[in-house]
Amino acid sequence: MDAYLSEEALGRLKACLLLAGRSAAAGFLLGHKRGHRIFVESVFPTSRGFFSSPQKFREADAALGGKVVGFFFSGKNSGHERTLLQPIAMGKLYLEILSFSKDKVEILSSLVDFDGEFMFMPLKLKVPAARKSRKRSA
């Protein structure tokens, strides 16, 4: 299994990180699953404590058309990982933003899985290649 982050989703993720600045950013990853791939089409920024209860998550997912395929977080030592290790997050993508600059985002990706206990299973993340601007010939 792997995940694909669309160009639009990557742009919105960068915007969330820029607006958060030194503060931590968090949110939902929106998209769909097809076969053995999770397609992330967009992101929805939230407050850090968005995963306060399974019921609130189900209501938010329903309000977003059932399109929540995962979660993203930035910031160090926030303890958010523990909140995702539960049945409601099973099979969801988890993106941890390790570092961010204008030109580059370093992302650790995994899947919430269960094998006797909940854990994060590393997952390959494909992102769009950077576009190079071209000069138009006249």
Protein backbone atom coordinates (compact mmCIF):
# COMPACT_ATOMS: atom_id res chain seq x y z
CA MET A 1 0.00 0.00 0.00
CA ASP A 2 1.10 3.59 -0.63
CA ALA A 3 -0.30 7.09 -0.66
CA TYR A 4 -0.34 9.86 -3.25
CA LEU A 5 -0.46 13.53 -2.25
CA SER A 6 -1.98 15.59 -5.09
CA GLU A 7 -0.49 18.90 -6.17
CA GLU A 8 -3.50 20.74 -4.73
CA ALA A 9 -3.20 18.92 -1.40
CA LEU A 10 0.53 19.67 -1.22
CA GLY A 11 -0.13 23.36 -1.91
CA ARG A 12 -2.82 23.54 0.78
CA LEU A 13 -0.57 21.71 3.23
CA LYS A 14 2.20 24.24 2.59
CA ALA A 15 -0.29 27.09 3.09
CA CYS A 16 -1.39 25.60 6.44
CA LEU A 17 2.23 25.35 7.54
CA LEU A 18 3.00 28.93 6.43
CA LEU A 19 -0.01 30.29 8.32
CA ALA A 20 0.85 28.29 11.44
CA GLY A 21 4.40 29.66 11.44
CA ARG A 22 6.19 28.42 14.55
CA SER A 23 2.92 27.10 15.95
CA ALA A 24 1.96 23.54 15.25
CA ALA A 25 -0.45 22.77 12.41
CA ALA A 26 -2.95 19.92 12.32
CA GLY A 27 -5.79 18.73 10.17
CA PHE A 28 -7.59 16.14 8.13
CA LEU A 29 -6.43 14.66 4.83
CA LEU A 30 -9.34 14.41 2.39
CA GLY A 31 -9.55 12.04 -0.53
CA HIS A 32 -10.36 8.42 -1.32
CA LYS A 33 -8.89 4.93 -1.43
CA ARG A 34 -8.58 2.94 -4.63
CA GLY A 35 -7.04 -0.50 -4.56
CA HIS A 36 -3.83 -0.35 -2.56
CA ARG A 37 -3.44 3.44 -2.76
CA ILE A 38 -4.74 6.33 -0.69
CA PHE A 39 -5.27 9.44 -2.81
CA VAL A 40 -5.06 12.68 -0.84
CA GLU A 41 -6.91 15.35 -2.81
CA SER A 42 -7.06 18.16 -0.26
CA VAL A 43 -6.44 19.08 3.36
CA PHE A 44 -8.72 20.59 5.99
CA PRO A 45 -6.90 22.46 8.77
CA THR A 46 -8.19 21.98 12.32
CA SER A 47 -7.22 22.85 15.84
CA ARG A 48 -4.66 20.58 17.53
CA GLY A 49 -7.29 18.99 19.78
CA PHE A 50 -9.61 17.91 16.99
CA PHE A 51 -9.46 14.23 17.93
CA SER A 52 -11.11 14.71 21.31
CA SER A 53 -13.65 11.91 20.89
CA PRO A 54 -14.61 9.24 18.33
CA GLN A 55 -18.10 10.74 18.11
CA LYS A 56 -16.80 14.22 17.22
CA PHE A 57 -14.50 12.68 14.60
CA ARG A 58 -17.41 10.72 13.05
CA GLU A 59 -19.52 13.90 12.94
CA ALA A 60 -16.69 15.90 11.33
CA ASP A 61 -16.04 13.14 8.79
CA ALA A 62 -19.75 13.04 7.92
CA ALA A 63 -19.81 16.85 7.51
CA LEU A 64 -16.87 16.48 5.10
CA GLY A 65 -18.73 13.89 3.02
CA GLY A 66 -16.94 10.88 4.48
CA LYS A 67 -13.74 11.92 2.70
CA VAL A 68 -11.33 11.87 5.67
CA VAL A 69 -8.55 9.42 4.71
CA GLY A 70 -6.04 10.59 7.29
CA PHE A 71 -4.47 13.24 9.47
CA PHE A 72 -1.50 15.60 9.41
CA PHE A 73 0.46 17.20 12.23
CA SER A 74 3.49 19.42 12.53
CA GLY A 75 5.44 20.38 15.62
CA LYS A 76 7.61 18.38 17.95
CA ASN A 77 6.73 16.48 21.10
CA SER A 78 3.03 17.20 20.93
CA GLY A 79 1.86 13.70 21.89
CA HIS A 80 -0.69 13.62 19.08
CA GLU A 81 0.47 10.17 17.96
CA ARG A 82 -1.07 8.50 21.01
CA THR A 83 -4.49 9.96 20.21
CA LEU A 84 -4.48 8.25 16.81
CA LEU A 85 -3.70 4.76 18.13
CA GLN A 86 -7.31 3.66 18.48
CA PRO A 87 -9.93 1.81 16.41
CA ILE A 88 -11.50 4.90 14.80
CA ALA A 89 -8.16 5.78 13.13
CA MET A 90 -7.51 2.24 11.86
CA GLY A 91 -6.48 2.24 8.20
CA LYS A 92 -6.04 6.03 8.08
CA LEU A 93 -2.97 7.80 6.75
CA TYR A 94 -0.82 9.78 9.17
CA LEU A 95 1.54 12.49 7.90
CA GLU A 96 3.99 14.01 10.33
CA ILE A 97 5.61 17.17 9.00
CA LEU A 98 9.23 16.97 10.12
CA SER A 99 10.50 20.16 8.52
CA PHE A 100 9.26 22.82 6.18
CA SER A 101 10.82 25.51 4.06
CA LYS A 102 9.62 27.55 1.10
CA ASP A 103 10.89 24.97 -1.36
CA LYS A 104 10.73 21.70 0.56
CA VAL A 105 8.51 19.77 2.95
CA GLU A 106 9.94 16.73 4.75
CA ILE A 107 7.14 14.31 5.60
CA LEU A 108 7.09 11.05 7.54
CA SER A 109 4.14 8.96 6.37
CA SER A 110 2.54 5.92 7.97
CA LEU A 111 -0.70 4.02 8.28
CA VAL A 112 -2.52 3.37 11.54
CA ASP A 113 -2.54 -0.43 11.77
CA PHE A 114 -3.28 -3.16 14.29
CA ASP A 115 -1.32 -6.32 15.01
CA GLY A 116 -2.14 -7.19 18.61
CA GLU A 117 -1.73 -3.49 19.41
CA PHE A 118 -2.20 -0.27 17.50
CA MET A 119 0.89 0.98 15.72
CA PHE A 120 2.13 3.12 12.86
CA MET A 121 3.20 1.13 9.81
CA PRO A 122 5.60 3.04 7.51
CA LEU A 123 4.00 3.88 4.19
CA LYS A 124 5.52 5.16 0.96
CA LEU A 125 4.29 8.64 0.03
CA LYS A 126 4.36 9.87 -3.55
CA VAL A 127 4.30 13.62 -4.13
CA PRO A 128 4.14 15.59 -7.38
CA ALA A 129 7.49 16.47 -8.88
CA ALA A 130 8.43 20.14 -8.59
CA ARG A 131 7.55 22.05 -11.74
CA LYS A 132 10.24 24.12 -13.35
CA SER A 133 9.09 27.37 -14.89
CA ARG A 134 9.66 27.58 -18.60
CA LYS A 135 10.27 30.65 -20.68
CA ARG A 136 7.89 31.09 -23.55
CA SER A 137 9.42 31.59 -26.95
CA ALA A 138 8.09 34.50 -28.91
